[in-house]
Amino acid sequence: MRTVRLLLQAVPIVLCLQVACSPRDFLTRRLAADLISASDAFKTPQVFWLRSGIVSNKDFNSPDSMVLQRHGWIIGSEEKCPPGVDPPPCWDVALSPLGVGTIRPLISNALPNNGPMAIQVARRELLGISGISKAGNFANVEFAWHWVSLNPVGAALYDSGVRYKSTVAFRCYDDGWRVVEQNIPSNQPLDEALRNAQPVAP
Protein backbone atom coordinates (compact mmCIF):
# COMPACT_ATOMS: atom_id res chain seq x y z
CA MET A 1 0.00 0.00 0.00
CA ARG A 2 2.81 2.35 0.87
CA THR A 3 4.48 1.60 -2.47
CA VAL A 4 1.28 2.46 -4.34
CA ARG A 5 1.02 5.74 -2.45
CA LEU A 6 4.60 6.67 -3.30
CA LEU A 7 4.02 5.86 -6.96
CA LEU A 8 0.91 8.06 -7.04
CA GLN A 9 2.85 10.94 -5.51
CA ALA A 10 5.67 10.51 -8.00
CA VAL A 11 3.42 10.56 -11.10
CA PRO A 12 2.88 14.39 -11.17
CA ILE A 13 6.61 14.96 -10.70
CA VAL A 14 7.50 12.62 -13.55
CA LEU A 15 4.90 14.21 -15.81
CA CYS A 16 6.24 17.67 -15.06
CA LEU A 17 9.78 16.57 -15.84
CA GLN A 18 8.64 15.07 -19.14
CA VAL A 19 6.93 18.28 -20.29
CA ALA A 20 9.57 20.53 -18.69
CA CYS A 21 7.18 22.25 -16.27
CA SER A 22 8.41 25.40 -14.61
CA PRO A 23 6.83 27.67 -12.02
CA ARG A 24 5.88 30.00 -14.89
CA ASP A 25 3.62 27.34 -16.44
CA PHE A 26 0.94 28.02 -13.83
CA LEU A 27 -0.46 31.55 -13.70
CA THR A 28 -0.93 32.08 -9.99
CA ARG A 29 -1.60 35.41 -8.33
CA ARG A 30 1.94 35.42 -6.99
CA LEU A 31 3.46 34.86 -10.43
CA ALA A 32 1.21 37.53 -11.97
CA ALA A 33 2.25 40.01 -9.26
CA ASP A 34 5.96 39.23 -9.78
CA LEU A 35 5.74 39.61 -13.56
CA ILE A 36 3.79 42.88 -13.40
CA SER A 37 6.13 44.39 -10.77
CA ALA A 38 9.21 43.39 -12.79
CA SER A 39 7.97 44.74 -16.12
CA ASP A 40 9.61 47.82 -17.62
CA ALA A 41 6.30 49.65 -18.05
CA PHE A 42 5.39 49.24 -14.39
CA LYS A 43 8.86 50.17 -13.12
CA THR A 44 9.12 53.31 -15.27
CA PRO A 45 8.95 56.32 -12.91
CA GLN A 46 6.46 59.11 -13.47
CA VAL A 47 8.14 62.20 -14.90
CA PHE A 48 6.82 65.72 -14.38
CA TRP A 49 7.88 68.32 -16.94
CA LEU A 50 8.31 71.71 -15.32
CA ARG A 51 7.94 74.61 -17.74
CA SER A 52 9.74 77.88 -17.11
CA GLY A 53 9.96 81.10 -19.09
CA ILE A 54 6.96 82.53 -20.96
CA VAL A 55 3.89 80.30 -20.73
CA SER A 56 0.24 80.82 -21.59
CA ASN A 57 -2.39 81.66 -19.00
CA LYS A 58 -3.83 78.16 -19.49
CA ASP A 59 -0.50 76.49 -18.65
CA PHE A 60 0.15 78.79 -15.69
CA ASN A 61 -3.25 77.96 -14.22
CA SER A 62 -3.14 74.22 -14.89
CA PRO A 63 -3.78 71.98 -11.83
CA ASP A 64 -0.13 70.89 -11.53
CA SER A 65 1.14 74.46 -11.86
CA MET A 66 -1.32 75.64 -9.20
CA VAL A 67 0.00 72.98 -6.79
CA LEU A 68 3.57 74.23 -7.28
CA GLN A 69 2.42 77.83 -6.80
CA ARG A 70 0.60 76.97 -3.56
CA HIS A 71 3.79 75.39 -2.22
CA GLY A 72 5.71 78.53 -3.12
CA TRP A 73 8.05 76.70 -5.52
CA ILE A 74 7.32 78.74 -8.66
CA ILE A 75 6.38 82.35 -9.26
CA GLY A 76 5.11 84.15 -12.34
CA SER A 77 5.04 87.74 -13.52
CA GLU A 78 2.52 88.84 -16.12
CA GLU A 79 4.02 89.39 -19.56
CA LYS A 80 2.90 90.15 -23.09
CA CYS A 81 2.29 86.95 -25.05
CA PRO A 82 4.77 86.23 -27.85
CA PRO A 83 3.38 85.28 -31.28
CA GLY A 84 1.72 81.87 -31.27
CA VAL A 85 1.22 81.72 -27.49
CA ASP A 86 -2.32 82.27 -26.25
CA PRO A 87 -4.66 82.89 -24.52
CA PRO A 88 -3.39 86.06 -22.84
CA PRO A 89 -2.20 87.06 -20.40
CA CYS A 90 1.09 85.18 -20.45
CA TRP A 91 3.37 84.60 -17.51
CA ASP A 92 7.13 84.52 -17.08
CA VAL A 93 7.58 81.50 -14.81
CA ALA A 94 10.65 80.98 -12.65
CA LEU A 95 11.65 79.00 -9.57
CA SER A 96 11.27 80.91 -6.33
CA PRO A 97 14.16 80.84 -3.81
CA LEU A 98 12.27 78.04 -2.02
CA GLY A 99 11.77 76.27 -5.35
CA VAL A 100 15.47 76.48 -6.18
CA GLY A 101 16.29 74.66 -2.95
CA THR A 102 13.53 72.08 -3.38
CA ILE A 103 13.28 71.48 -7.12
CA ARG A 104 16.68 72.28 -8.63
CA PRO A 105 18.39 69.18 -7.11
CA LEU A 106 15.63 66.96 -8.57
CA ILE A 107 15.97 68.06 -12.19
CA SER A 108 17.34 65.16 -14.23
CA ASN A 109 17.05 66.68 -17.70
CA ALA A 110 16.32 70.07 -19.23
CA LEU A 111 15.60 70.89 -22.85
CA PRO A 112 17.66 73.73 -24.39
CA ASN A 113 16.46 77.32 -24.71
CA ASN A 114 14.65 77.47 -21.38
CA GLY A 115 12.54 74.40 -22.24
CA PRO A 116 10.74 72.04 -19.89
CA MET A 117 12.74 70.37 -17.09
CA ALA A 118 12.22 66.68 -16.28
CA ILE A 119 11.66 65.65 -12.67
CA GLN A 120 11.10 62.04 -11.61
CA VAL A 121 8.35 62.40 -9.02
CA ALA A 122 6.72 59.03 -8.31
CA ARG A 123 6.86 55.28 -8.86
CA ARG A 124 4.13 52.64 -8.96
CA GLU A 125 3.65 50.10 -6.18
CA LEU A 126 1.56 46.97 -6.67
CA LEU A 127 -1.04 46.50 -3.94
CA GLY A 128 -2.42 43.13 -5.01
CA ILE A 129 -4.00 40.95 -7.66
CA SER A 130 -7.81 41.23 -7.70
CA GLY A 131 -8.53 38.34 -10.07
CA ILE A 132 -7.38 36.22 -13.01
CA SER A 133 -9.54 35.20 -15.96
CA LYS A 134 -8.01 32.55 -18.24
CA ALA A 135 -8.99 31.42 -21.73
CA GLY A 136 -6.56 28.94 -23.23
CA ASN A 137 -3.16 30.55 -23.73
CA PHE A 138 -4.46 34.01 -22.81
CA ALA A 139 -5.48 35.56 -19.52
CA ASN A 140 -6.61 38.90 -18.15
CA VAL A 141 -5.26 39.90 -14.76
CA GLU A 142 -6.89 42.65 -12.72
CA PHE A 143 -4.65 44.35 -10.18
CA ALA A 144 -4.57 47.32 -7.81
CA TRP A 145 -1.72 49.79 -7.46
CA HIS A 146 -0.91 53.28 -6.23
CA TRP A 147 1.70 55.99 -6.64
CA VAL A 148 4.58 56.31 -4.15
CA SER A 149 6.23 59.72 -4.16
CA LEU A 150 9.99 59.96 -4.68
CA ASN A 151 10.39 63.50 -3.35
CA PRO A 152 8.40 66.52 -2.06
CA VAL A 153 7.21 67.41 -5.58
CA GLY A 154 5.83 63.89 -6.05
CA ALA A 155 4.14 64.04 -2.64
CA ALA A 156 2.47 67.32 -3.64
CA LEU A 157 1.28 66.06 -7.03
CA TYR A 158 0.32 62.43 -6.25
CA ASP A 159 -1.81 61.18 -3.38
CA SER A 160 -0.54 57.74 -2.31
CA GLY A 161 -3.95 57.07 -0.75
CA VAL A 162 -5.61 56.91 -4.17
CA ARG A 163 -5.79 53.33 -5.44
CA TYR A 164 -5.95 52.48 -9.14
CA LYS A 165 -7.42 49.41 -10.80
CA SER A 166 -5.95 48.08 -14.05
CA THR A 167 -6.45 44.98 -16.18
CA VAL A 168 -3.58 43.62 -18.25
CA ALA A 169 -3.26 40.74 -20.70
CA PHE A 170 -1.01 37.73 -20.16
CA ARG A 171 -0.01 35.16 -22.76
CA CYS A 172 1.38 31.65 -22.28
CA TYR A 173 4.43 30.80 -24.39
CA ASP A 174 6.56 27.65 -24.53
CA ASP A 175 8.59 28.93 -21.55
CA GLY A 176 5.57 29.95 -19.49
CA TRP A 177 3.36 32.98 -18.90
CA ARG A 178 4.44 36.49 -19.79
CA VAL A 179 2.83 39.87 -19.26
CA VAL A 180 1.87 41.51 -22.57
CA GLU A 181 3.90 44.68 -23.11
CA GLN A 182 3.17 45.13 -26.82
CA ASN A 183 -0.10 45.26 -28.71
CA ILE A 184 -1.52 41.92 -29.73
CA PRO A 185 -5.09 41.36 -30.96
CA SER A 186 -7.84 41.52 -28.31
CA ASN A 187 -5.46 42.19 -25.42
CA GLN A 188 -4.37 45.31 -23.59
CA PRO A 189 -0.64 45.86 -22.99
CA LEU A 190 0.57 46.89 -19.53
CA ASP A 191 1.56 50.41 -20.52
CA GLU A 192 -1.95 51.03 -21.88
CA ALA A 193 -3.50 49.35 -18.84
CA LEU A 194 -1.61 51.76 -16.57
CA ARG A 195 -2.62 54.79 -18.67
CA ASN A 196 -6.26 53.65 -18.54
CA ALA A 197 -6.22 53.01 -14.79
CA GLN A 198 -9.28 54.22 -12.89
CA PRO A 199 -9.12 55.40 -9.27
CA VAL A 200 -11.12 53.21 -6.90
CA ALA A 201 -12.33 53.69 -3.36
CA PRO A 202 -10.06 52.16 -0.67
C-alpha atoms as a PDB file:
ATOM      1  CA  MET A   1       0.000   0.000   0.000  1.00  0.00           C
ATOM      2  CA  ARG A   2       2.810   2.347   0.871  1.00  0.00           C
ATOM      3  CA  THR A   3       4.484   1.603  -2.467  1.00  0.00           C
ATOM      4  CA  VAL A   4       1.285   2.464  -4.343  1.00  0.00           C
ATOM      5  CA  ARG A   5       1.021   5.744  -2.452  1.00  0.00           C
ATOM      6  CA  LEU A   6       4.603   6.665  -3.299  1.00  0.00           C
ATOM      7  CA  LEU A   7       4.022   5.860  -6.961  1.00  0.00           C
ATOM      8  CA  LEU A   8       0.905   8.056  -7.044  1.00  0.00           C
ATOM      9  CA  GLN A   9       2.854  10.945  -5.507  1.00  0.00           C
ATOM     10  CA  ALA A  10       5.671  10.511  -8.002  1.00  0.00           C
ATOM     11  CA  VAL A  11       3.424  10.555 -11.103  1.00  0.00           C
ATOM     12  CA  PRO A  12       2.880  14.392 -11.175  1.00  0.00           C
ATOM     13  CA  ILE A  13       6.608  14.963 -10.702  1.00  0.00           C
ATOM     14  CA  VAL A  14       7.497  12.622 -13.554  1.00  0.00           C
ATOM     15  CA  LEU A  15       4.904  14.208 -15.811  1.00  0.00           C
ATOM     16  CA  CYS A  16       6.239  17.673 -15.064  1.00  0.00           C
ATOM     17  CA  LEU A  17       9.784  16.567 -15.836  1.00  0.00           C
ATOM     18  CA  GLN A  18       8.643  15.075 -19.139  1.00  0.00           C
ATOM     19  CA  VAL A  19       6.930  18.283 -20.294  1.00  0.00           C
ATOM     20  CA  ALA A  20       9.566  20.528 -18.689  1.00  0.00           C
ATOM     21  CA  CYS A  21       7.181  22.248 -16.274  1.00  0.00           C
ATOM     22  CA  SER A  22       8.413  25.396 -14.610  1.00  0.00           C
ATOM     23  CA  PRO A  23       6.829  27.674 -12.017  1.00  0.00           C
ATOM     24  CA  ARG A  24       5.881  30.004 -14.894  1.00  0.00           C
ATOM     25  CA  ASP A  25       3.621  27.340 -16.442  1.00  0.00           C
ATOM     26  CA  PHE A  26       0.939  28.020 -13.827  1.00  0.00           C
ATOM     27  CA  LEU A  27      -0.455  31.553 -13.703  1.00  0.00           C
ATOM     28  CA  THR A  28      -0.925  32.077  -9.987  1.00  0.00           C
ATOM     29  CA  ARG A  29      -1.596  35.414  -8.332  1.00  0.00           C
ATOM     30  CA  ARG A  30       1.945  35.422  -6.986  1.00  0.00           C
ATOM     31  CA  LEU A  31       3.460  34.861 -10.428  1.00  0.00           C
ATOM     32  CA  ALA A  32       1.213  37.531 -11.967  1.00  0.00           C
ATOM     33  CA  ALA A  33       2.249  40.015  -9.265  1.00  0.00           C
ATOM     34  CA  ASP A  34       5.959  39.234  -9.776  1.00  0.00           C
ATOM     35  CA  LEU A  35       5.743  39.608 -13.560  1.00  0.00           C
ATOM     36  CA  ILE A  36       3.788  42.880 -13.397  1.00  0.00           C
ATOM     37  CA  SER A  37       6.130  44.386 -10.773  1.00  0.00           C
ATOM     38  CA  ALA A  38       9.211  43.393 -12.787  1.00  0.00           C
ATOM     39  CA  SER A  39       7.966  44.738 -16.122  1.00  0.00           C
ATOM     40  CA  ASP A  40       9.613  47.821 -17.617  1.00  0.00           C
ATOM     41  CA  ALA A  41       6.303  49.646 -18.053  1.00  0.00           C
ATOM     42  CA  PHE A  42       5.391  49.235 -14.388  1.00  0.00           C
ATOM     43  CA  LYS A  43       8.858  50.172 -13.121  1.00  0.00           C
ATOM     44  CA  THR A  44       9.122  53.313 -15.265  1.00  0.00           C
ATOM     45  CA  PRO A  45       8.949  56.322 -12.908  1.00  0.00           C
ATOM     46  CA  GLN A  46       6.457  59.109 -13.466  1.00  0.00           C
ATOM     47  CA  VAL A  47       8.142  62.196 -14.905  1.00  0.00           C
ATOM     48  CA  PHE A  48       6.822  65.718 -14.379  1.00  0.00           C
ATOM     49  CA  TRP A  49       7.881  68.317 -16.941  1.00  0.00           C
ATOM     50  CA  LEU A  50       8.308  71.714 -15.318  1.00  0.00           C
ATOM     51  CA  ARG A  51       7.936  74.608 -17.735  1.00  0.00           C
ATOM     52  CA  SER A  52       9.739  77.881 -17.107  1.00  0.00           C
ATOM     53  CA  GLY A  53       9.963  81.095 -19.087  1.00  0.00           C
ATOM     54  CA  ILE A  54       6.961  82.529 -20.962  1.00  0.00           C
ATOM     55  CA  VAL A  55       3.888  80.296 -20.734  1.00  0.00           C
ATOM     56  CA  SER A  56       0.243  80.816 -21.591  1.00  0.00           C
ATOM     57  CA  ASN A  57      -2.392  81.659 -19.004  1.00  0.00           C
ATOM     58  CA  LYS A  58      -3.830  78.161 -19.493  1.00  0.00           C
ATOM     59  CA  ASP A  59      -0.502  76.489 -18.649  1.00  0.00           C
ATOM     60  CA  PHE A  60       0.153  78.795 -15.692  1.00  0.00           C
ATOM     61  CA  ASN A  61      -3.249  77.959 -14.223  1.00  0.00           C
ATOM     62  CA  SER A  62      -3.142  74.216 -14.889  1.00  0.00           C
ATOM     63  CA  PRO A  63      -3.784  71.981 -11.826  1.00  0.00           C
ATOM     64  CA  ASP A  64      -0.132  70.893 -11.525  1.00  0.00           C
ATOM     65  CA  SER A  65       1.141  74.458 -11.859  1.00  0.00           C
ATOM     66  CA  MET A  66      -1.322  75.639  -9.199  1.00  0.00           C
ATOM     67  CA  VAL A  67       0.005  72.980  -6.795  1.00  0.00           C
ATOM     68  CA  LEU A  68       3.572  74.226  -7.280  1.00  0.00           C
ATOM     69  CA  GLN A  69       2.420  77.829  -6.802  1.00  0.00           C
ATOM     70  CA  ARG A  70       0.600  76.966  -3.563  1.00  0.00           C
ATOM     71  CA  HIS A  71       3.788  75.388  -2.223  1.00  0.00           C
ATOM     72  CA  GLY A  72       5.710  78.533  -3.123  1.00  0.00           C
ATOM     73  CA  TRP A  73       8.048  76.704  -5.521  1.00  0.00           C
ATOM     74  CA  ILE A  74       7.318  78.741  -8.658  1.00  0.00           C
ATOM     75  CA  ILE A  75       6.375  82.350  -9.261  1.00  0.00           C
ATOM     76  CA  GLY A  76       5.115  84.155 -12.342  1.00  0.00           C
ATOM     77  CA  SER A  77       5.043  87.736 -13.516  1.00  0.00           C
ATOM     78  CA  GLU A  78       2.525  88.843 -16.123  1.00  0.00           C
ATOM     79  CA  GLU A  79       4.021  89.389 -19.559  1.00  0.00           C
ATOM     80  CA  LYS A  80       2.900  90.148 -23.088  1.00  0.00           C
ATOM     81  CA  CYS A  81       2.291  86.947 -25.049  1.00  0.00           C
ATOM     82  CA  PRO A  82       4.773  86.232 -27.850  1.00  0.00           C
ATOM     83  CA  PRO A  83       3.377  85.284 -31.277  1.00  0.00           C
ATOM     84  CA  GLY A  84       1.722  81.868 -31.266  1.00  0.00           C
ATOM     85  CA  VAL A  85       1.215  81.717 -27.494  1.00  0.00           C
ATOM     86  CA  ASP A  86      -2.321  82.268 -26.250  1.00  0.00           C
ATOM     87  CA  PRO A  87      -4.664  82.894 -24.521  1.00  0.00           C
ATOM     88  CA  PRO A  88      -3.392  86.059 -22.845  1.00  0.00           C
ATOM     89  CA  PRO A  89      -2.204  87.065 -20.396  1.00  0.00           C
ATOM     90  CA  CYS A  90       1.088  85.183 -20.450  1.00  0.00           C
ATOM     91  CA  TRP A  91       3.372  84.599 -17.509  1.00  0.00           C
ATOM     92  CA  ASP A  92       7.132  84.517 -17.083  1.00  0.00           C
ATOM     93  CA  VAL A  93       7.576  81.501 -14.813  1.00  0.00           C
ATOM     94  CA  ALA A  94      10.650  80.981 -12.652  1.00  0.00           C
ATOM     95  CA  LEU A  95      11.645  79.002  -9.575  1.00  0.00           C
ATOM     96  CA  SER A  96      11.267  80.912  -6.329  1.00  0.00           C
ATOM     97  CA  PRO A  97      14.161  80.843  -3.807  1.00  0.00           C
ATOM     98  CA  LEU A  98      12.274  78.045  -2.021  1.00  0.00           C
ATOM     99  CA  GLY A  99      11.765  76.270  -5.350  1.00  0.00           C
ATOM    100  CA  VAL A 100      15.467  76.480  -6.180  1.00  0.00           C
ATOM    101  CA  GLY A 101      16.295  74.663  -2.953  1.00  0.00           C
ATOM    102  CA  THR A 102      13.534  72.078  -3.376  1.00  0.00           C
ATOM    103  CA  ILE A 103      13.277  71.476  -7.116  1.00  0.00           C
ATOM    104  CA  ARG A 104      16.681  72.284  -8.626  1.00  0.00           C
ATOM    105  CA  PRO A 105      18.395  69.177  -7.107  1.00  0.00           C
ATOM    106  CA  LEU A 106      15.633  66.958  -8.574  1.00  0.00           C
ATOM    107  CA  ILE A 107      15.969  68.064 -12.195  1.00  0.00           C
ATOM    108  CA  SER A 108      17.336  65.158 -14.231  1.00  0.00           C
ATOM    109  CA  ASN A 109      17.053  66.684 -17.698  1.00  0.00           C
ATOM    110  CA  ALA A 110      16.320  70.073 -19.231  1.00  0.00           C
ATOM    111  CA  LEU A 111      15.595  70.891 -22.845  1.00  0.00           C
ATOM    112  CA  PRO A 112      17.660  73.727 -24.387  1.00  0.00           C
ATOM    113  CA  ASN A 113      16.458  77.318 -24.706  1.00  0.00           C
ATOM    114  CA  ASN A 114      14.649  77.465 -21.376  1.00  0.00           C
ATOM    115  CA  GLY A 115      12.545  74.403 -22.243  1.00  0.00           C
ATOM    116  CA  PRO A 116      10.742  72.037 -19.890  1.00  0.00           C
ATOM    117  CA  MET A 117      12.743  70.373 -17.090  1.00  0.00           C
ATOM    118  CA  ALA A 118      12.222  66.683 -16.280  1.00  0.00           C
ATOM    119  CA  ILE A 119      11.660  65.652 -12.667  1.00  0.00           C
ATOM    120  CA  GLN A 120      11.104  62.040 -11.613  1.00  0.00           C
ATOM    121  CA  VAL A 121       8.354  62.398  -9.022  1.00  0.00           C
ATOM    122  CA  ALA A 122       6.717  59.028  -8.306  1.00  0.00           C
ATOM    123  CA  ARG A 123       6.862  55.281  -8.862  1.00  0.00           C
ATOM    124  CA  ARG A 124       4.126  52.639  -8.959  1.00  0.00           C
ATOM    125  CA  GLU A 125       3.650  50.102  -6.178  1.00  0.00           C
ATOM    126  CA  LEU A 126       1.564  46.970  -6.667  1.00  0.00           C
ATOM    127  CA  LEU A 127      -1.038  46.505  -3.937  1.00  0.00           C
ATOM    128  CA  GLY A 128      -2.420  43.127  -5.015  1.00  0.00           C
ATOM    129  CA  ILE A 129      -4.004  40.947  -7.663  1.00  0.00           C
ATOM    130  CA  SER A 130      -7.810  41.232  -7.704  1.00  0.00           C
ATOM    131  CA  GLY A 131      -8.528  38.344 -10.073  1.00  0.00           C
ATOM    132  CA  ILE A 132      -7.377  36.224 -13.010  1.00  0.00           C
ATOM    133  CA  SER A 133      -9.538  35.201 -15.958  1.00  0.00           C
ATOM    134  CA  LYS A 134      -8.010  32.548 -18.237  1.00  0.00           C
ATOM    135  CA  ALA A 135      -8.995  31.416 -21.732  1.00  0.00           C
ATOM    136  CA  GLY A 136      -6.556  28.936 -23.232  1.00  0.00           C
ATOM    137  CA  ASN A 137      -3.157  30.555 -23.726  1.00  0.00           C
ATOM    138  CA  PHE A 138      -4.462  34.006 -22.814  1.00  0.00           C
ATOM    139  CA  ALA A 139      -5.484  35.558 -19.515  1.00  0.00           C
ATOM    140  CA  ASN A 140      -6.613  38.896 -18.146  1.00  0.00           C
ATOM    141  CA  VAL A 141      -5.256  39.905 -14.762  1.00  0.00           C
ATOM    142  CA  GLU A 142      -6.893  42.652 -12.716  1.00  0.00           C
ATOM    143  CA  PHE A 143      -4.651  44.350 -10.177  1.00  0.00           C
ATOM    144  CA  ALA A 144      -4.573  47.321  -7.808  1.00  0.00           C
ATOM    145  CA  TRP A 145      -1.717  49.794  -7.455  1.00  0.00           C
ATOM    146  CA  HIS A 146      -0.907  53.281  -6.227  1.00  0.00           C
ATOM    147  CA  TRP A 147       1.700  55.993  -6.637  1.00  0.00           C
ATOM    148  CA  VAL A 148       4.575  56.311  -4.150  1.00  0.00           C
ATOM    149  CA  SER A 149       6.234  59.719  -4.161  1.00  0.00           C
ATOM    150  CA  LEU A 150       9.991  59.962  -4.678  1.00  0.00           C
ATOM    151  CA  ASN A 151      10.389  63.502  -3.348  1.00  0.00           C
ATOM    152  CA  PRO A 152       8.402  66.522  -2.062  1.00  0.00           C
ATOM    153  CA  VAL A 153       7.206  67.406  -5.577  1.00  0.00           C
ATOM    154  CA  GLY A 154       5.829  63.889  -6.048  1.00  0.00           C
ATOM    155  CA  ALA A 155       4.144  64.036  -2.644  1.00  0.00           C
ATOM    156  CA  ALA A 156       2.469  67.316  -3.640  1.00  0.00           C
ATOM    157  CA  LEU A 157       1.278  66.055  -7.034  1.00  0.00           C
ATOM    158  CA  TYR A 158       0.319  62.430  -6.250  1.00  0.00           C
ATOM    159  CA  ASP A 159      -1.811  61.177  -3.384  1.00  0.00           C
ATOM    160  CA  SER A 160      -0.544  57.740  -2.311  1.00  0.00           C
ATOM    161  CA  GLY A 161      -3.950  57.069  -0.752  1.00  0.00           C
ATOM    162  CA  VAL A 162      -5.612  56.911  -4.174  1.00  0.00           C
ATOM    163  CA  ARG A 163      -5.792  53.328  -5.443  1.00  0.00           C
ATOM    164  CA  TYR A 164      -5.953  52.478  -9.138  1.00  0.00           C
ATOM    165  CA  LYS A 165      -7.420  49.409 -10.800  1.00  0.00           C
ATOM    166  CA  SER A 166      -5.951  48.083 -14.052  1.00  0.00           C
ATOM    167  CA  THR A 167      -6.454  44.981 -16.181  1.00  0.00           C
ATOM    168  CA  VAL A 168      -3.580  43.619 -18.255  1.00  0.00           C
ATOM    169  CA  ALA A 169      -3.258  40.744 -20.699  1.00  0.00           C
ATOM    170  CA  PHE A 170      -1.011  37.729 -20.159  1.00  0.00           C
ATOM    171  CA  ARG A 171      -0.007  35.164 -22.757  1.00  0.00           C
ATOM    172  CA  CYS A 172       1.375  31.654 -22.280  1.00  0.00           C
ATOM    173  CA  TYR A 173       4.426  30.800 -24.386  1.00  0.00           C
ATOM    174  CA  ASP A 174       6.559  27.653 -24.525  1.00  0.00           C
ATOM    175  CA  ASP A 175       8.594  28.926 -21.551  1.00  0.00           C
ATOM    176  CA  GLY A 176       5.570  29.948 -19.488  1.00  0.00           C
ATOM    177  CA  TRP A 177       3.364  32.981 -18.900  1.00  0.00           C
ATOM    178  CA  ARG A 178       4.439  36.488 -19.790  1.00  0.00           C
ATOM    179  CA  VAL A 179       2.829  39.867 -19.264  1.00  0.00           C
ATOM    180  CA  VAL A 180       1.866  41.507 -22.572  1.00  0.00           C
ATOM    181  CA  GLU A 181       3.902  44.682 -23.112  1.00  0.00           C
ATOM    182  CA  GLN A 182       3.168  45.131 -26.818  1.00  0.00           C
ATOM    183  CA  ASN A 183      -0.099  45.262 -28.711  1.00  0.00           C
ATOM    184  CA  ILE A 184      -1.517  41.915 -29.726  1.00  0.00           C
ATOM    185  CA  PRO A 185      -5.093  41.361 -30.962  1.00  0.00           C
ATOM    186  CA  SER A 186      -7.838  41.518 -28.308  1.00  0.00           C
ATOM    187  CA  ASN A 187      -5.462  42.191 -25.423  1.00  0.00           C
ATOM    188  CA  GLN A 188      -4.365  45.312 -23.591  1.00  0.00           C
ATOM    189  CA  PRO A 189      -0.636  45.864 -22.990  1.00  0.00           C
ATOM    190  CA  LEU A 190       0.569  46.887 -19.528  1.00  0.00           C
ATOM    191  CA  ASP A 191       1.559  50.412 -20.521  1.00  0.00           C
ATOM    192  CA  GLU A 192      -1.951  51.034 -21.880  1.00  0.00           C
ATOM    193  CA  ALA A 193      -3.497  49.354 -18.835  1.00  0.00           C
ATOM    194  CA  LEU A 194      -1.611  51.761 -16.569  1.00  0.00           C
ATOM    195  CA  ARG A 195      -2.617  54.795 -18.669  1.00  0.00           C
ATOM    196  CA  ASN A 196      -6.262  53.650 -18.540  1.00  0.00           C
ATOM    197  CA  ALA A 197      -6.221  53.011 -14.792  1.00  0.00           C
ATOM    198  CA  GLN A 198      -9.280  54.220 -12.893  1.00  0.00           C
ATOM    199  CA  PRO A 199      -9.121  55.405  -9.269  1.00  0.00           C
ATOM    200  CA  VAL A 200     -11.119  53.211  -6.904  1.00  0.00           C
ATOM    201  CA  ALA A 201     -12.327  53.686  -3.360  1.00  0.00           C
ATOM    202  CA  PRO A 202     -10.060  52.165  -0.670  1.00  0.00           C
END
